[in-house]
Protein backbone atom coordinates (compact mmCIF):
# COMPACT_ATOMS: atom_id res chain seq x y z
CA MET A 1 98.12 81.27 106.26
CA ASP A 2 94.32 82.08 105.62
CA LEU A 3 94.40 85.97 106.21
CA GLY A 4 90.71 85.79 106.07
CA ILE A 5 90.13 88.87 103.90
CA GLN A 6 89.02 87.21 100.76
CA GLY A 7 86.65 89.41 98.95
CA ARG A 8 87.46 92.77 100.44
CA TRP A 9 87.65 95.80 98.81
CA ALA A 10 91.04 97.62 99.10
CA LEU A 11 92.15 101.14 97.84
CA VAL A 12 95.91 101.03 97.52
CA CYS A 13 97.82 104.46 96.36
CA ALA A 14 100.64 105.16 94.51
CA ALA A 15 100.28 101.69 93.35
CA SER A 16 101.92 101.80 89.83
CA LYS A 17 105.00 100.83 91.10
CA GLY A 18 107.29 99.86 93.97
CA LEU A 19 105.73 99.41 97.20
CA GLY A 20 102.59 100.30 96.28
CA LYS A 21 102.50 98.19 93.76
CA GLY A 22 103.64 94.43 96.41
CA CYS A 23 101.29 95.31 98.43
CA ALA A 24 98.96 96.05 95.76
CA ARG A 25 99.76 92.42 94.58
CA ALA A 26 99.80 90.68 98.01
CA LEU A 27 96.42 91.72 98.44
CA VAL A 28 94.99 90.66 94.92
CA GLN A 29 96.87 86.75 95.62
CA GLU A 30 94.84 86.91 98.73
CA GLY A 31 91.81 87.23 97.03
CA VAL A 32 91.05 91.28 97.88
CA ASN A 33 89.56 93.25 95.33
CA VAL A 34 91.79 96.46 94.45
CA VAL A 35 91.10 99.88 93.59
CA ILE A 36 94.78 100.85 92.47
CA THR A 37 96.18 104.65 91.98
CA ALA A 38 98.69 106.58 90.61
CA ARG A 39 99.83 109.50 88.76
CA GLY A 40 100.94 108.34 85.15
CA GLU A 41 98.05 106.24 83.32
CA GLU A 42 100.62 104.15 81.36
CA ALA A 43 102.64 102.37 84.39
CA LEU A 44 98.77 102.17 86.42
CA GLN A 45 97.61 100.18 83.11
CA ARG A 46 100.20 97.98 83.31
CA THR A 47 100.65 97.05 86.60
CA ALA A 48 96.52 96.71 86.60
CA GLU A 49 97.04 93.90 83.51
CA GLU A 50 99.78 92.35 85.64
CA LEU A 51 97.69 91.86 88.78
CA ARG A 52 95.03 90.89 86.83
CA ALA A 53 97.04 87.72 85.37
CA LEU A 54 97.56 87.05 89.17
CA ALA A 55 93.75 87.37 90.56
CA PRO A 56 92.19 84.52 91.60
CA PRO A 57 88.94 84.16 89.73
CA GLY A 58 86.01 86.97 90.27
CA VAL A 59 88.62 89.46 91.82
CA GLN A 60 88.38 92.86 90.16
CA VAL A 61 91.33 94.90 89.54
CA LEU A 62 90.15 98.26 88.74
CA ALA A 63 92.78 101.50 87.78
CA VAL A 64 91.95 105.13 88.64
CA ALA A 65 94.68 107.73 87.66
CA GLY A 66 95.18 110.98 88.84
CA ASP A 67 97.07 112.78 91.59
CA ILE A 68 96.01 111.30 95.04
CA ALA A 69 97.12 115.11 96.75
CA THR A 70 94.35 116.14 95.50
CA ALA A 71 90.82 116.41 96.18
CA GLU A 72 89.91 115.61 92.72
CA GLY A 73 91.99 112.41 93.02
CA ARG A 74 90.79 111.37 95.56
CA ALA A 75 87.46 111.81 95.28
CA ALA A 76 88.03 109.85 91.71
CA ALA A 77 89.75 107.21 93.55
CA LEU A 78 87.26 106.66 96.59
CA ALA A 79 84.29 106.71 93.97
CA ALA A 80 86.00 103.56 92.06
CA CYS A 81 85.73 101.67 95.00
CA PRO A 82 82.67 99.92 96.13
CA GLN A 83 83.71 100.16 100.08
CA VAL A 84 86.79 100.76 101.33
CA ASP A 85 87.54 97.88 103.58
CA ILE A 86 91.41 98.08 102.97
CA LEU A 87 93.13 101.37 102.34
CA VAL A 88 96.76 101.73 102.02
CA ASN A 89 98.19 104.91 102.16
CA ASN A 90 101.16 106.01 100.11
CA ALA A 91 102.92 108.68 98.26
CA GLY A 92 106.56 109.43 96.66
CA GLY A 93 108.94 111.31 99.15
CA PRO A 94 109.54 114.78 98.65
CA PRO A 95 112.68 115.75 97.28
CA PRO A 96 116.08 115.75 99.38
CA GLY A 97 118.28 118.89 100.30
CA ASP A 98 118.83 121.64 102.38
CA PHE A 99 116.46 123.12 104.92
CA ARG A 100 117.73 126.29 104.26
CA ASP A 101 116.41 126.24 100.54
CA TRP A 102 112.70 124.82 101.35
CA ASP A 103 110.46 127.66 101.44
CA ARG A 104 106.98 127.55 102.20
CA GLU A 105 105.78 126.03 99.28
CA ALA A 106 107.75 123.20 99.62
CA TRP A 107 106.69 122.49 103.08
CA ILE A 108 103.04 122.62 102.00
CA ARG A 109 103.86 120.41 98.92
CA ALA A 110 105.61 118.01 101.44
CA LEU A 111 102.55 117.46 104.10
CA ASP A 112 99.51 117.53 101.48
CA ALA A 113 100.94 114.21 100.16
CA ASN A 114 102.97 112.44 102.98
CA MET A 115 100.54 113.97 105.77
CA LEU A 116 97.61 115.91 104.99
CA THR A 117 96.19 113.37 102.11
CA PRO A 118 96.17 110.27 104.42
CA ILE A 119 94.25 112.27 106.90
CA GLU A 120 91.69 112.70 104.28
CA LEU A 121 91.55 109.96 103.34
CA MET A 122 90.88 107.98 106.77
CA LYS A 123 88.44 110.29 107.18
CA ALA A 124 86.88 109.38 104.69
CA VAL A 125 86.68 105.82 105.35
CA VAL A 126 87.18 105.37 109.01
CA ASP A 127 83.83 106.08 110.16
CA PRO A 128 81.94 103.87 107.57
CA MET A 129 84.43 101.09 108.78
CA MET A 130 83.73 101.35 112.11
CA ALA A 131 80.12 101.38 111.04
CA ARG A 132 80.82 98.05 109.92
CA GLY A 133 82.90 97.08 112.48
CA TRP A 134 85.81 96.02 110.40
CA GLY A 135 88.62 98.02 108.62
CA ARG A 136 92.54 97.96 108.10
CA VAL A 137 94.72 101.05 107.63
CA VAL A 138 98.46 100.63 106.72
CA ASN A 139 100.28 104.04 106.02
CA ILE A 140 103.40 104.10 103.98
CA THR A 141 105.55 106.02 105.73
CA SER A 142 109.63 105.67 105.93
CA ALA A 143 112.15 104.60 108.26
CA ALA A 144 113.43 107.93 108.66
CA VAL A 145 110.42 108.46 110.96
CA LYS A 146 112.46 106.47 113.44
CA ALA A 147 115.57 107.44 112.40
CA PRO A 148 115.63 110.89 110.53
CA ILE A 149 117.98 111.53 107.81
CA ASP A 150 119.39 115.06 107.48
CA ILE A 151 118.59 115.36 103.74
CA LEU A 152 115.15 114.23 104.08
CA GLY A 153 114.06 117.16 106.38
CA LEU A 154 110.99 117.32 104.35
CA SER A 155 110.10 113.86 104.61
CA ASN A 156 110.87 113.48 108.52
CA GLY A 157 108.56 116.25 109.36
CA ALA A 158 105.78 115.30 107.10
CA ARG A 159 105.82 111.79 108.07
CA SER A 160 106.63 112.42 111.48
CA GLY A 161 103.56 114.24 111.86
CA LEU A 162 101.52 111.71 109.97
CA THR A 163 102.92 109.14 112.75
CA GLY A 164 101.65 111.40 116.12
CA PHE A 165 97.89 111.82 113.87
CA VAL A 166 98.11 107.88 113.83
CA ALA A 167 99.14 107.43 117.13
CA GLY A 168 96.51 109.15 118.44
CA LEU A 169 93.47 108.11 116.31
CA SER A 170 94.24 104.80 116.44
CA ARG A 171 93.46 104.55 119.89
CA LYS A 172 89.64 105.41 118.74
CA THR A 173 88.97 103.09 115.98
CA VAL A 174 90.40 99.62 117.24
CA ALA A 175 87.06 98.48 119.86
CA ARG A 176 85.34 99.24 116.85
CA GLY A 177 87.12 96.72 114.74
CA VAL A 178 89.39 99.13 112.88
CA THR A 179 93.30 99.12 113.05
CA ILE A 180 95.48 101.63 111.70
CA ASN A 181 99.15 101.45 111.49
CA ASN A 182 102.33 102.28 109.68
CA LEU A 183 104.94 100.08 107.94
CA LEU A 184 108.07 102.15 107.94
CA PRO A 185 110.55 100.88 105.22
CA GLY A 186 114.50 101.15 105.13
CA PRO A 187 116.35 100.55 101.68
CA PHE A 188 114.14 99.02 99.14
CA ASP A 189 114.95 98.00 95.80
CA THR A 190 112.93 100.87 94.18
CA ASP A 191 112.85 103.57 91.81
CA ARG A 192 113.03 105.91 94.53
CA ILE A 193 116.35 103.89 95.86
CA ARG A 194 117.37 104.31 92.48
CA GLN A 195 117.24 107.22 92.03
CA THR A 196 118.80 108.32 95.32
CA LEU A 197 121.74 106.01 94.02
CA GLN A 198 122.33 107.67 90.84
CA GLY A 199 122.28 111.45 92.59
CA ALA A 200 124.56 110.38 94.55
CA ALA A 201 126.90 108.58 91.49
CA ALA A 202 126.23 112.34 90.32
CA LYS A 203 127.91 114.24 93.22
CA SER A 204 130.59 112.01 93.48
CA GLY A 205 131.92 110.82 90.65
CA ARG A 206 131.63 106.71 90.99
CA PRO A 207 129.62 104.17 89.38
CA VAL A 208 126.31 103.78 90.78
CA GLU A 209 126.83 100.13 91.09
CA GLU A 210 129.64 100.89 92.94
CA ILE A 211 127.65 103.12 95.12
CA ALA A 212 124.78 100.53 95.35
CA GLU A 213 126.98 97.68 96.12
CA GLU A 214 128.37 99.93 99.58
CA ARG A 215 124.97 100.74 100.17
CA ARG A 216 123.86 97.04 100.67
CA THR A 217 126.88 95.42 102.27
CA GLN A 218 126.92 98.55 104.58
CA ASN A 219 123.11 97.33 105.68
CA PRO A 220 123.30 94.57 108.23
CA ALA A 221 121.02 92.07 105.81
CA GLY A 222 123.30 92.53 103.23
CA ARG A 223 120.47 93.51 100.57
CA PHE A 224 118.00 95.67 99.54
CA GLY A 225 114.37 94.93 100.54
CA THR A 226 111.75 93.36 97.59
CA ALA A 227 108.61 94.91 97.18
CA ASP A 228 107.09 91.17 97.35
CA GLU A 229 108.19 91.00 101.17
CA PHE A 230 106.99 94.13 101.68
CA GLY A 231 103.47 93.43 100.46
CA ALA A 232 103.40 90.10 102.58
CA ALA A 233 103.71 92.58 105.89
CA CYS A 234 101.00 94.65 104.55
CA ALA A 235 98.80 92.06 103.90
CA PHE A 236 99.57 90.62 106.99
CA LEU A 237 98.53 93.55 109.00
CA CYS A 238 95.17 93.83 106.96
CA SER A 239 94.57 90.40 108.14
CA VAL A 240 91.88 88.86 110.07
CA HIS A 241 94.90 87.94 112.46
CA ALA A 242 95.46 91.45 113.21
CA GLY A 243 92.98 93.27 115.14
CA PHE A 244 94.56 93.59 118.03
CA ILE A 245 97.77 95.43 116.03
CA THR A 246 97.24 98.87 115.80
CA GLY A 247 98.91 102.73 116.32
CA GLN A 248 102.41 100.33 115.74
CA ASN A 249 105.18 101.59 113.74
CA LEU A 250 106.61 98.21 112.10
CA LEU A 251 110.29 99.18 110.79
CA MET A 252 111.65 97.41 107.44
CA ASP A 253 115.35 97.90 107.23
CA GLY A 254 116.96 94.86 107.05
CA GLY A 255 118.25 95.58 110.72
CA ALA A 256 119.95 98.91 109.71
CA TYR A 257 118.30 100.97 112.44
CA PRO A 258 120.75 100.37 115.27
CA GLY A 259 118.54 100.99 118.71
CA THR A 260 116.39 98.75 120.96
CA PHE A 261 113.32 100.85 120.65
């Protein structure tokens, strides 16, 4: 299927690895020019080289190191992108823990990264998108928005706030050709889940691989998801074929969520 986005420009956040990288890779392979951003310069430049090797002739891949959760990081990323036709919002989730241990600063950090930063980026790009009559925003959130996890309270709160905001904004932009949707990942084979598994192993005294296998087999799909299949879903939501999809929360969790709605 031709996604109809060849030649567009995309800004993909937290794209040096994991799900952000999967989204950037899928877009590049569709002929989209990308600006990728992340905090780690070395990993970001490695990813940029990988993407350039995959890119069709003429497709540009630009890398801007910086913290997207800061005004300076956002300004640098936006300045590098000649025109943001596609915005993929992404940021690492806040640490797990007990809500009794989180002070105001912990909450502010979570809100800054996982709610306020995506909103600031949308504020910067949505009006120009509507003026041109076309645009796509995909926010990478979490399956915990639908099925909250007790130790991820910071993430539950911040990402749910973003979800509520998008529900309203997305109905205002779609008539001008701009869609805004959320992708909700469950267990994917990324650094994030490996860190979680290592933490669980350290706490329980069990081998990491034993816990990983247990988590895999507990999922109805019998495995973890891959960054490539996540990226493919993102690319479709960014395509010309997804213009009638907006304000939606696409859950990708291998069937782990047990509900109907």
